[in-house]
Amino acid sequence: MSQRLEIWSKLPTMWKPQHFSELASTISLTELPQKIQSILQRQIQGRVLVKVSSS
């Protein structure tokens, strides 16, 4: 178990991707239908994070 905790503790520090902002984009829930169409047409690279809260 201690090895697992050690690995998890390294994820947000040592192993955090250097250019994460280039690998992912954040969209609102209202933008999702249009983004889904882009995904289906293979126009998207990386990850898409959907912000579902209003704050």
Protein backbone atom coordinates (compact mmCIF):
# COMPACT_ATOMS: atom_id res chain seq x y z
CA MET A 1 0.00 0.00 0.00
CA SER A 2 2.82 2.45 0.73
CA GLN A 3 4.15 2.04 -2.82
CA ARG A 4 0.72 2.96 -4.16
CA LEU A 5 0.62 6.12 -2.03
CA GLU A 6 4.11 7.05 -3.14
CA ILE A 7 3.13 6.73 -6.79
CA TRP A 8 -0.06 8.78 -6.29
CA SER A 9 1.91 11.50 -4.51
CA LYS A 10 4.21 11.84 -7.55
CA LEU A 11 1.39 12.32 -10.07
CA PRO A 12 0.64 15.99 -9.32
CA THR A 13 4.32 16.91 -8.92
CA MET A 14 7.12 14.95 -10.57
CA TRP A 15 4.97 13.20 -13.18
CA LYS A 16 2.63 16.08 -14.03
CA PRO A 17 2.60 16.66 -17.82
CA GLN A 18 4.63 19.75 -18.68
CA HIS A 19 2.31 21.01 -21.41
CA PHE A 20 -1.07 19.87 -20.12
CA SER A 21 -2.80 23.01 -21.39
CA GLU A 22 -1.78 22.01 -24.93
CA LEU A 23 -3.12 18.48 -24.47
CA ALA A 24 -6.58 19.39 -23.24
CA SER A 25 -9.24 22.03 -23.71
CA THR A 26 -12.08 23.01 -21.40
CA ILE A 27 -15.57 23.66 -22.69
CA SER A 28 -18.94 24.44 -21.14
CA LEU A 29 -21.84 22.06 -21.19
CA THR A 30 -23.60 24.20 -23.80
CA GLU A 31 -20.63 23.78 -26.17
CA LEU A 32 -20.73 19.99 -25.91
CA PRO A 33 -23.05 19.16 -28.86
CA GLN A 34 -20.86 21.10 -31.30
CA LYS A 35 -17.68 19.58 -29.86
CA ILE A 36 -19.15 16.07 -30.17
CA GLN A 37 -19.62 16.67 -33.89
CA SER A 38 -15.97 17.72 -34.17
CA ILE A 39 -14.91 14.59 -32.29
CA LEU A 40 -16.97 12.37 -34.60
CA GLN A 41 -15.36 14.04 -37.61
CA ARG A 42 -11.90 13.39 -36.10
CA GLN A 43 -11.09 17.09 -35.89
CA ILE A 44 -10.06 17.01 -32.22
CA GLN A 45 -6.68 16.10 -30.77
CA GLY A 46 -6.12 15.62 -27.06
CA ARG A 47 -8.71 15.66 -24.32
CA VAL A 48 -11.84 17.72 -23.87
CA LEU A 49 -12.86 18.60 -20.30
CA VAL A 50 -16.49 19.56 -19.85
CA LYS A 51 -17.13 22.08 -17.10
CA VAL A 52 -20.55 21.28 -15.69
CA SER A 53 -20.68 23.72 -12.78
CA SER A 54 -21.85 27.29 -13.14
CA SER A 55 -19.05 28.76 -11.02
